């Protein structure tokens, strides 16, 4: 396994990638998403897909507004939707 792939594996051995923009979430900081061009040309088998916060807000603005309002009432700041 290449070092770049090892960097993005979470505790379950999966790599979270946005299905819209193809950014990859950092396991050590779930609020940070990186562009990894190597994954576009040679995608790993262990990819799992979701939406990064930017794409979530662009694709589902009404739902994102409701989520943001809900998250603002929580004691701990919300990171991202699963």
Protein backbone atom coordinates (compact mmCIF):
# COMPACT_ATOMS: atom_id res chain seq x y z
CA UNK A 1 0.00 0.00 0.00
CA UNK A 2 1.33 3.44 -0.89
CA UNK A 3 1.92 6.06 1.84
CA UNK A 4 -0.73 8.36 0.33
CA UNK A 5 -3.36 5.63 0.68
CA UNK A 6 -2.26 4.80 4.22
CA UNK A 7 -2.69 8.46 5.22
CA UNK A 8 -6.40 8.51 4.39
CA UNK A 9 -7.55 5.20 5.90
CA UNK A 10 -9.91 5.61 8.84
CA UNK A 11 -10.12 3.27 11.83
CA UNK A 12 -12.25 0.86 9.77
CA UNK A 13 -9.73 0.69 6.91
CA UNK A 14 -11.91 2.79 4.59
CA UNK A 15 -11.20 5.99 2.68
CA UNK A 16 -14.09 8.52 2.68
CA UNK A 17 -14.46 10.31 -0.66
CA UNK A 18 -17.06 12.89 -1.68
CA UNK A 19 -19.14 11.41 -4.48
CA UNK A 20 -19.63 14.85 -6.04
CA UNK A 21 -16.22 16.59 -6.02
CA UNK A 22 -14.04 13.55 -5.21
CA UNK A 23 -12.27 15.22 -2.28
CA UNK A 24 -10.98 12.81 0.39
CA UNK A 25 -11.60 13.27 4.13
CA UNK A 26 -8.65 13.24 6.52
CA UNK A 27 -9.23 10.65 9.26
CA UNK A 28 -7.29 12.65 11.88
CA UNK A 29 -9.36 15.79 11.18
CA UNK A 30 -12.82 14.97 9.78
CA UNK A 31 -13.47 18.65 9.01
CA UNK A 32 -10.65 18.72 6.44
CA UNK A 33 -11.04 17.36 2.92
CA UNK A 34 -8.14 17.12 0.46
CA UNK A 35 -7.91 16.79 -3.29
CA UNK A 36 -6.00 13.60 -4.12
CA UNK A 37 -5.55 13.40 -7.92
CA UNK A 38 -3.92 9.95 -7.66
CA UNK A 39 -7.24 8.52 -6.44
CA UNK A 40 -9.03 9.67 -9.60
CA UNK A 41 -6.69 7.85 -11.96
CA UNK A 42 -6.21 4.79 -9.72
CA UNK A 43 -9.05 4.59 -7.15
CA UNK A 44 -8.44 2.38 -4.12
CA UNK A 45 -10.74 -0.58 -3.51
CA UNK A 46 -11.52 0.61 0.00
CA UNK A 47 -13.34 3.84 -0.98
CA UNK A 48 -16.60 4.73 0.69
CA UNK A 49 -18.68 7.65 -0.56
CA UNK A 50 -20.53 10.51 1.05
CA UNK A 51 -20.68 14.28 0.62
CA UNK A 52 -18.17 16.82 1.84
CA UNK A 53 -19.69 19.82 3.69
CA UNK A 54 -19.32 22.11 0.66
CA UNK A 55 -21.11 19.74 -1.71
CA UNK A 56 -23.75 18.97 0.93
CA UNK A 57 -24.58 22.68 1.21
CA UNK A 58 -24.60 23.15 -2.57
CA UNK A 59 -26.66 20.04 -3.36
CA UNK A 60 -29.14 20.24 -0.46
CA UNK A 61 -29.37 23.87 0.71
CA UNK A 62 -32.66 23.48 2.62
CA UNK A 63 -31.50 20.37 4.45
CA UNK A 64 -28.11 21.96 5.13
CA UNK A 65 -29.79 25.02 6.66
CA UNK A 66 -31.88 22.79 8.94
CA UNK A 67 -28.79 20.80 9.92
CA UNK A 68 -26.78 23.96 10.61
CA UNK A 69 -29.58 25.32 12.82
CA UNK A 70 -29.73 22.02 14.71
CA UNK A 71 -25.92 21.84 15.05
CA UNK A 72 -25.82 25.36 16.48
CA UNK A 73 -27.91 24.16 19.44
CA UNK A 74 -25.49 21.34 20.34
CA UNK A 75 -22.89 21.74 23.08
CA UNK A 76 -20.04 20.36 20.95
CA UNK A 77 -19.63 21.77 17.45
CA UNK A 78 -20.86 19.43 14.74
CA UNK A 79 -18.22 18.11 12.36
CA UNK A 80 -19.96 16.71 9.31
CA UNK A 81 -22.94 14.59 8.49
CA UNK A 82 -22.09 10.90 8.19
